[in-house]
Amino acid sequence: MNMAEEEPLYDILIPPGVPQKLIVEISKKFDVTIVDRREKIKFANMEGDERDLLAFRGKLEVMQEVEKFMRDQLNAFVAEK
């Protein structure tokens, strides 16, 4: 496959407050890279503020698995509290 045919990469933002342990687990379990993303914040009194957030980057199929895994793990974490 040449450069023009490479599969596109997708990002999933890591919400602030995600436990570091979960970020490390995902980065080891899945074929992803952790990247910085500058994003505008659109909630509370931060309307329009830009923040540097972390994101997982990888192929679409992997990102779909990561999204489900992260959501399941966060729901379990919240249910424990």
Protein backbone atom coordinates (compact mmCIF):
# COMPACT_ATOMS: atom_id res chain seq x y z
CA MET A 1 0.00 0.00 0.00
CA ASN A 2 1.49 3.35 -0.95
CA MET A 3 1.08 6.62 0.95
CA ALA A 4 -1.94 7.69 -1.14
CA GLU A 5 -3.79 4.49 -0.20
CA GLU A 6 -3.08 4.50 3.55
CA GLU A 7 -6.11 4.09 5.75
CA PRO A 8 -7.12 7.37 7.45
CA LEU A 9 -6.62 7.76 11.19
CA TYR A 10 -9.30 8.90 13.62
CA ASP A 11 -9.18 10.53 17.05
CA ILE A 12 -11.22 9.95 20.18
CA LEU A 13 -10.85 12.73 22.72
CA ILE A 14 -10.07 11.60 26.25
CA PRO A 15 -12.45 13.48 28.54
CA PRO A 16 -10.81 15.39 31.40
CA GLY A 17 -10.91 13.29 34.56
CA VAL A 18 -10.38 9.89 32.92
CA PRO A 19 -8.15 7.94 35.31
CA GLN A 20 -4.54 7.73 34.18
CA LYS A 21 -4.64 3.98 34.81
CA LEU A 22 -7.36 3.61 32.14
CA ILE A 23 -5.41 5.72 29.61
CA VAL A 24 -2.33 3.54 30.11
CA GLU A 25 -4.42 0.34 29.88
CA ILE A 26 -5.99 1.41 26.58
CA SER A 27 -2.65 2.46 25.11
CA LYS A 28 -1.24 -1.00 25.90
CA LYS A 29 -4.32 -3.02 24.92
CA PHE A 30 -5.08 -1.34 21.56
CA ASP A 31 -3.02 -0.19 18.58
CA VAL A 32 -3.35 3.53 19.30
CA THR A 33 -1.16 6.57 19.73
CA ILE A 34 -1.83 9.24 22.35
CA VAL A 35 -1.77 12.72 20.82
CA ASP A 36 -2.42 16.31 21.90
CA ARG A 37 -5.46 18.08 20.44
CA ARG A 38 -6.33 21.75 20.84
CA GLU A 39 -10.12 21.98 21.19
CA LYS A 40 -12.62 24.70 21.97
CA ILE A 41 -14.52 24.07 25.18
CA LYS A 42 -18.31 24.56 25.00
CA PHE A 43 -19.70 24.22 28.50
CA ALA A 44 -20.31 26.21 31.69
CA ASN A 45 -18.36 29.47 31.86
CA MET A 46 -15.65 28.24 29.47
CA GLU A 47 -17.52 29.01 26.22
CA GLY A 48 -14.93 29.54 23.50
CA ASP A 49 -11.90 28.75 25.65
CA GLU A 50 -9.37 26.48 23.96
CA ARG A 51 -7.69 23.68 25.87
CA ASP A 52 -5.06 21.10 25.05
CA LEU A 53 -6.68 17.70 25.45
CA LEU A 54 -5.37 14.21 24.96
CA ALA A 55 -6.80 11.90 22.32
CA PHE A 56 -6.32 8.34 21.15
CA ARG A 57 -5.48 8.08 17.45
CA GLY A 58 -5.84 4.98 15.30
CA LYS A 59 -7.72 3.19 12.56
CA LEU A 60 -11.52 3.37 12.50
CA GLU A 61 -12.17 -0.22 13.62
CA VAL A 62 -9.75 0.12 16.53
CA MET A 63 -11.23 3.48 17.55
CA GLN A 64 -14.71 1.94 17.65
CA GLU A 65 -13.38 -0.74 20.02
CA VAL A 66 -11.56 1.85 22.13
CA GLU A 67 -14.68 4.01 22.41
CA LYS A 68 -16.79 1.08 23.63
CA PHE A 69 -14.09 -0.16 26.02
CA MET A 70 -13.50 3.32 27.50
CA ARG A 71 -17.24 3.94 27.93
CA ASP A 72 -17.74 0.54 29.61
CA GLN A 73 -14.79 1.08 31.94
CA LEU A 74 -15.91 4.61 32.88
CA ASN A 75 -19.48 3.40 33.55
CA ALA A 76 -18.09 0.64 35.81
CA PHE A 77 -15.85 3.17 37.58
CA VAL A 78 -18.80 5.52 38.23
CA ALA A 79 -21.02 2.65 39.39
CA GLU A 80 -18.41 1.73 42.04
CA LYS A 81 -18.55 5.21 43.59
